[in-house]
């Protein structure tokens, strides 16, 4: 959505930095997928779901067929550390993604972890039109740096509930 100010600012920043790269700046741009983890803004969806499932023991899922690529903040930090320490003469844009989950998958994991009740809005469950899929490919990151995300959803969600840094 090019009307989104946040996205516009990211695109413009990348364009400006890419110009400097052409002048000799060794530049690596990282594009992480949806980051989650301990310390995240309490208004973010994953944080809200963990809180509601662990405290209120009930969560509501709307558009549970929607998909999102989640990556734990620890995996992003490890990738950044790897990039900083590399001896390779690498530059370019690298996606940093984790695993693609539906909100239904996330709900099942929360139910398993916290024994909560999942209430799914069935009125839109079977709508297949306009399924939003927020996914990215991290193949370039894997091939260039021999990297892949390690934190599984269950461990990541538990760390939020337990206020742990992994």
C-alpha atoms as a PDB file:
ATOM      1  CA  UNK A   1       0.000   0.000   0.000  1.00  0.00           C
ATOM      2  CA  UNK A   2       1.958   2.994  -1.254  1.00  0.00           C
ATOM      3  CA  UNK A   3      -0.424   5.329   0.591  1.00  0.00           C
ATOM      4  CA  UNK A   4       0.863   4.072   3.939  1.00  0.00           C
ATOM      5  CA  UNK A   5       3.237   6.693   5.372  1.00  0.00           C
ATOM      6  CA  UNK A   6       5.325   4.091   7.222  1.00  0.00           C
ATOM      7  CA  UNK A   7       5.889   2.072   4.046  1.00  0.00           C
ATOM      8  CA  UNK A   8       6.644   5.215   2.041  1.00  0.00           C
ATOM      9  CA  UNK A   9       9.280   6.278   4.564  1.00  0.00           C
ATOM     10  CA  UNK A  10      10.945   2.843   4.393  1.00  0.00           C
ATOM     11  CA  UNK A  11      10.986   2.890   0.579  1.00  0.00           C
ATOM     12  CA  UNK A  12      12.396   6.425   0.495  1.00  0.00           C
ATOM     13  CA  UNK A  13      15.062   5.559   3.070  1.00  0.00           C
ATOM     14  CA  UNK A  14      16.150   2.538   1.049  1.00  0.00           C
ATOM     15  CA  UNK A  15      16.352   4.646  -2.125  1.00  0.00           C
ATOM     16  CA  UNK A  16      18.531   7.250  -0.421  1.00  0.00           C
ATOM     17  CA  UNK A  17      20.827   4.631   1.128  1.00  0.00           C
ATOM     18  CA  UNK A  18      21.086   2.748  -2.175  1.00  0.00           C
ATOM     19  CA  UNK A  19      22.393   5.955  -3.811  1.00  0.00           C
ATOM     20  CA  UNK A  20      25.155   6.100  -1.179  1.00  0.00           C
ATOM     21  CA  UNK A  21      25.863   2.433  -1.838  1.00  0.00           C
ATOM     22  CA  UNK A  22      26.596   3.263  -5.468  1.00  0.00           C
ATOM     23  CA  UNK A  23      29.182   5.751  -4.193  1.00  0.00           C
ATOM     24  CA  UNK A  24      31.066   3.003  -2.348  1.00  0.00           C
ATOM     25  CA  UNK A  25      29.217   2.620   0.952  1.00  0.00           C
ATOM     26  CA  UNK A  26      29.079  -1.056   1.905  1.00  0.00           C
ATOM     27  CA  UNK A  27      25.434  -1.265   2.748  1.00  0.00           C
ATOM     28  CA  UNK A  28      23.263  -4.094   3.957  1.00  0.00           C
ATOM     29  CA  UNK A  29      19.546  -3.428   4.321  1.00  0.00           C
ATOM     30  CA  UNK A  30      17.573  -5.869   6.438  1.00  0.00           C
ATOM     31  CA  UNK A  31      13.867  -6.398   5.930  1.00  0.00           C
ATOM     32  CA  UNK A  32      12.514  -8.441   8.817  1.00  0.00           C
ATOM     33  CA  UNK A  33       9.048  -9.975   8.639  1.00  0.00           C
ATOM     34  CA  UNK A  34       6.638  -9.548  11.576  1.00  0.00           C
ATOM     35  CA  UNK A  35       8.820  -9.448  14.675  1.00  0.00           C
ATOM     36  CA  UNK A  36       7.446 -10.680  17.991  1.00  0.00           C
ATOM     37  CA  UNK A  37       8.951 -11.249  21.416  1.00  0.00           C
ATOM     38  CA  UNK A  38       9.241 -10.137  24.999  1.00  0.00           C
ATOM     39  CA  UNK A  39       9.102  -6.377  25.520  1.00  0.00           C
ATOM     40  CA  UNK A  40       6.985  -5.785  22.448  1.00  0.00           C
ATOM     41  CA  UNK A  41       4.354  -3.058  22.461  1.00  0.00           C
ATOM     42  CA  UNK A  42       1.370  -4.383  24.465  1.00  0.00           C
ATOM     43  CA  UNK A  43      -0.968  -3.211  21.693  1.00  0.00           C
ATOM     44  CA  UNK A  44       0.555  -5.570  19.116  1.00  0.00           C
ATOM     45  CA  UNK A  45      -1.637  -8.528  18.189  1.00  0.00           C
ATOM     46  CA  UNK A  46       0.696 -11.324  19.333  1.00  0.00           C
ATOM     47  CA  UNK A  47       1.249  -9.661  22.727  1.00  0.00           C
ATOM     48  CA  UNK A  48      -2.504  -9.174  23.143  1.00  0.00           C
ATOM     49  CA  UNK A  49      -3.238 -12.787  22.228  1.00  0.00           C
ATOM     50  CA  UNK A  50      -0.663 -14.117  24.711  1.00  0.00           C
ATOM     51  CA  UNK A  51      -2.024 -11.928  27.511  1.00  0.00           C
ATOM     52  CA  UNK A  52      -5.658 -12.820  26.836  1.00  0.00           C
ATOM     53  CA  UNK A  53      -4.968 -16.527  26.467  1.00  0.00           C
ATOM     54  CA  UNK A  54      -2.835 -16.774  29.608  1.00  0.00           C
ATOM     55  CA  UNK A  55      -4.830 -14.467  31.896  1.00  0.00           C
ATOM     56  CA  UNK A  56      -8.403 -14.387  30.642  1.00  0.00           C
ATOM     57  CA  UNK A  57      -8.181 -17.921  29.230  1.00  0.00           C
ATOM     58  CA  UNK A  58     -10.212 -16.894  26.202  1.00  0.00           C
ATOM     59  CA  UNK A  59      -9.314 -15.418  22.809  1.00  0.00           C
ATOM     60  CA  UNK A  60     -11.374 -14.470  19.804  1.00  0.00           C
ATOM     61  CA  UNK A  61     -10.003 -15.121  16.341  1.00  0.00           C
ATOM     62  CA  UNK A  62     -11.293 -13.180  13.369  1.00  0.00           C
ATOM     63  CA  UNK A  63     -10.053 -13.884   9.875  1.00  0.00           C
ATOM     64  CA  UNK A  64      -8.236 -16.919  11.274  1.00  0.00           C
ATOM     65  CA  UNK A  65      -7.258 -17.969   7.737  1.00  0.00           C
ATOM     66  CA  UNK A  66      -4.989 -14.907   7.379  1.00  0.00           C
ATOM     67  CA  UNK A  67      -1.313 -15.763   7.284  1.00  0.00           C
ATOM     68  CA  UNK A  68       1.668 -13.945   8.707  1.00  0.00           C
ATOM     69  CA  UNK A  69       5.384 -14.673   8.672  1.00  0.00           C
ATOM     70  CA  UNK A  70       6.536 -14.423  12.287  1.00  0.00           C
ATOM     71  CA  UNK A  71      10.114 -14.124  13.428  1.00  0.00           C
ATOM     72  CA  UNK A  72      11.226 -13.889  17.024  1.00  0.00           C
ATOM     73  CA  UNK A  73      13.230 -10.795  18.011  1.00  0.00           C
ATOM     74  CA  UNK A  74      16.053 -13.063  19.176  1.00  0.00           C
ATOM     75  CA  UNK A  75      16.395 -14.502  15.666  1.00  0.00           C
ATOM     76  CA  UNK A  76      16.559 -10.990  14.195  1.00  0.00           C
ATOM     77  CA  UNK A  77      19.206  -9.977  16.740  1.00  0.00           C
ATOM     78  CA  UNK A  78      21.239 -13.098  15.940  1.00  0.00           C
ATOM     79  CA  UNK A  79      21.059 -12.333  12.219  1.00  0.00           C
ATOM     80  CA  UNK A  80      22.222  -8.747  12.797  1.00  0.00           C
ATOM     81  CA  UNK A  81      25.138 -10.034  14.893  1.00  0.00           C
ATOM     82  CA  UNK A  82      26.056 -12.517  12.150  1.00  0.00           C
ATOM     83  CA  UNK A  83      25.998  -9.777   9.500  1.00  0.00           C
ATOM     84  CA  UNK A  84      28.175  -7.468  11.626  1.00  0.00           C
ATOM     85  CA  UNK A  85      30.734 -10.209  12.293  1.00  0.00           C
ATOM     86  CA  UNK A  86      30.940 -11.547   8.737  1.00  0.00           C
ATOM     87  CA  UNK A  87      34.195 -11.276   6.865  1.00  0.00           C
ATOM     88  CA  UNK A  88      32.359 -11.516   3.544  1.00  0.00           C
ATOM     89  CA  UNK A  89      32.256  -8.473   1.309  1.00  0.00           C
ATOM     90  CA  UNK A  90      28.470  -8.501   1.076  1.00  0.00           C
ATOM     91  CA  UNK A  91      26.027  -5.737   0.313  1.00  0.00           C
ATOM     92  CA  UNK A  92      22.409  -5.585  -0.714  1.00  0.00           C
ATOM     93  CA  UNK A  93      18.932  -6.153   0.646  1.00  0.00           C
ATOM     94  CA  UNK A  94      18.205  -9.200   2.786  1.00  0.00           C
ATOM     95  CA  UNK A  95      14.846 -10.440   3.990  1.00  0.00           C
ATOM     96  CA  UNK A  96      14.854 -11.887   7.497  1.00  0.00           C
ATOM     97  CA  UNK A  97      11.833 -14.115   8.001  1.00  0.00           C
ATOM     98  CA  UNK A  98      10.679 -16.938  10.167  1.00  0.00           C
ATOM     99  CA  UNK A  99       7.722 -19.230   9.586  1.00  0.00           C
ATOM    100  CA  UNK A 100       4.385 -18.609   7.898  1.00  0.00           C
ATOM    101  CA  UNK A 101       1.450 -19.208  10.264  1.00  0.00           C
ATOM    102  CA  UNK A 102      -2.289 -18.703  10.059  1.00  0.00           C
ATOM    103  CA  UNK A 103      -3.938 -17.048  13.020  1.00  0.00           C
ATOM    104  CA  UNK A 104      -5.668 -20.383  13.550  1.00  0.00           C
ATOM    105  CA  UNK A 105      -2.207 -22.008  13.936  1.00  0.00           C
ATOM    106  CA  UNK A 106      -1.262 -19.343  16.469  1.00  0.00           C
ATOM    107  CA  UNK A 107      -4.535 -19.928  18.338  1.00  0.00           C
ATOM    108  CA  UNK A 108      -3.904 -23.689  18.490  1.00  0.00           C
ATOM    109  CA  UNK A 109      -0.440 -23.083  19.928  1.00  0.00           C
ATOM    110  CA  UNK A 110      -1.824 -20.675  22.540  1.00  0.00           C
ATOM    111  CA  UNK A 111      -4.497 -23.215  23.474  1.00  0.00           C
ATOM    112  CA  UNK A 112      -1.819 -25.882  23.899  1.00  0.00           C
ATOM    113  CA  UNK A 113       0.369 -23.592  26.017  1.00  0.00           C
ATOM    114  CA  UNK A 114      -2.230 -21.926  28.218  1.00  0.00           C
ATOM    115  CA  UNK A 115      -5.294 -24.177  28.022  1.00  0.00           C
ATOM    116  CA  UNK A 116      -7.416 -21.280  26.816  1.00  0.00           C
ATOM    117  CA  UNK A 117     -10.658 -21.253  24.914  1.00  0.00           C
ATOM    118  CA  UNK A 118     -10.498 -20.270  21.226  1.00  0.00           C
ATOM    119  CA  UNK A 119     -13.594 -18.620  19.816  1.00  0.00           C
ATOM    120  CA  UNK A 120     -13.481 -18.337  16.045  1.00  0.00           C
ATOM    121  CA  UNK A 121     -15.737 -15.988  14.098  1.00  0.00           C
ATOM    122  CA  UNK A 122     -17.332 -18.532  11.787  1.00  0.00           C
ATOM    123  CA  UNK A 123     -19.099 -15.949   9.654  1.00  0.00           C
ATOM    124  CA  UNK A 124     -15.887 -15.245   7.748  1.00  0.00           C
ATOM    125  CA  UNK A 125     -13.996 -18.510   8.339  1.00  0.00           C
ATOM    126  CA  UNK A 126     -14.540 -19.989   4.896  1.00  0.00           C
ATOM    127  CA  UNK A 127     -14.084 -16.868   2.843  1.00  0.00           C
ATOM    128  CA  UNK A 128     -11.174 -17.634   0.521  1.00  0.00           C
ATOM    129  CA  UNK A 129     -11.218 -14.361  -1.409  1.00  0.00           C
ATOM    130  CA  UNK A 130      -8.586 -11.831  -0.473  1.00  0.00           C
ATOM    131  CA  UNK A 131      -6.676 -14.118   1.852  1.00  0.00           C
ATOM    132  CA  UNK A 132      -3.961 -11.878   3.143  1.00  0.00           C
ATOM    133  CA  UNK A 133      -0.606 -13.607   3.116  1.00  0.00           C
ATOM    134  CA  UNK A 134       2.178 -11.660   4.751  1.00  0.00           C
ATOM    135  CA  UNK A 135       5.161 -13.725   3.711  1.00  0.00           C
ATOM    136  CA  UNK A 136       8.707 -13.111   2.602  1.00  0.00           C
ATOM    137  CA  UNK A 137      11.477 -15.327   1.317  1.00  0.00           C
ATOM    138  CA  UNK A 138      14.693 -15.440   3.334  1.00  0.00           C
ATOM    139  CA  UNK A 139      16.507 -17.622   0.793  1.00  0.00           C
ATOM    140  CA  UNK A 140      19.127 -14.970   0.040  1.00  0.00           C
ATOM    141  CA  UNK A 141      19.888 -14.618   3.772  1.00  0.00           C
ATOM    142  CA  UNK A 142      20.125 -18.391   4.134  1.00  0.00           C
ATOM    143  CA  UNK A 143      22.396 -18.804   1.103  1.00  0.00           C
ATOM    144  CA  UNK A 144      24.663 -15.839   1.826  1.00  0.00           C
ATOM    145  CA  UNK A 145      25.039 -16.194   5.591  1.00  0.00           C
ATOM    146  CA  UNK A 146      24.022 -19.832   6.161  1.00  0.00           C
ATOM    147  CA  UNK A 147      21.320 -18.502   8.484  1.00  0.00           C
ATOM    148  CA  UNK A 148      17.844 -19.598   9.457  1.00  0.00           C
ATOM    149  CA  UNK A 149      15.481 -18.707  12.256  1.00  0.00           C
ATOM    150  CA  UNK A 150      15.645 -21.015  15.270  1.00  0.00           C
ATOM    151  CA  UNK A 151      12.989 -19.902  17.753  1.00  0.00           C
ATOM    152  CA  UNK A 152       9.812 -21.941  17.326  1.00  0.00           C
ATOM    153  CA  UNK A 153       6.403 -20.339  17.905  1.00  0.00           C
ATOM    154  CA  UNK A 154       5.675 -22.238  21.117  1.00  0.00           C
ATOM    155  CA  UNK A 155       8.950 -21.171  22.740  1.00  0.00           C
ATOM    156  CA  UNK A 156       8.539 -17.587  21.527  1.00  0.00           C
ATOM    157  CA  UNK A 157       4.977 -17.243  22.842  1.00  0.00           C
ATOM    158  CA  UNK A 158       5.953 -18.774  26.188  1.00  0.00           C
ATOM    159  CA  UNK A 159       8.821 -16.273  26.492  1.00  0.00           C
ATOM    160  CA  UNK A 160       6.365 -13.388  26.135  1.00  0.00           C
ATOM    161  CA  UNK A 161       4.113 -14.800  28.860  1.00  0.00           C
ATOM    162  CA  UNK A 162       7.078 -15.465  31.176  1.00  0.00           C
ATOM    163  CA  UNK A 163       8.696 -12.093  30.412  1.00  0.00           C
ATOM    164  CA  UNK A 164      11.889 -13.852  29.271  1.00  0.00           C
ATOM    165  CA  UNK A 165      14.560 -12.765  26.861  1.00  0.00           C
ATOM    166  CA  UNK A 166      15.696 -15.710  24.777  1.00  0.00           C
END
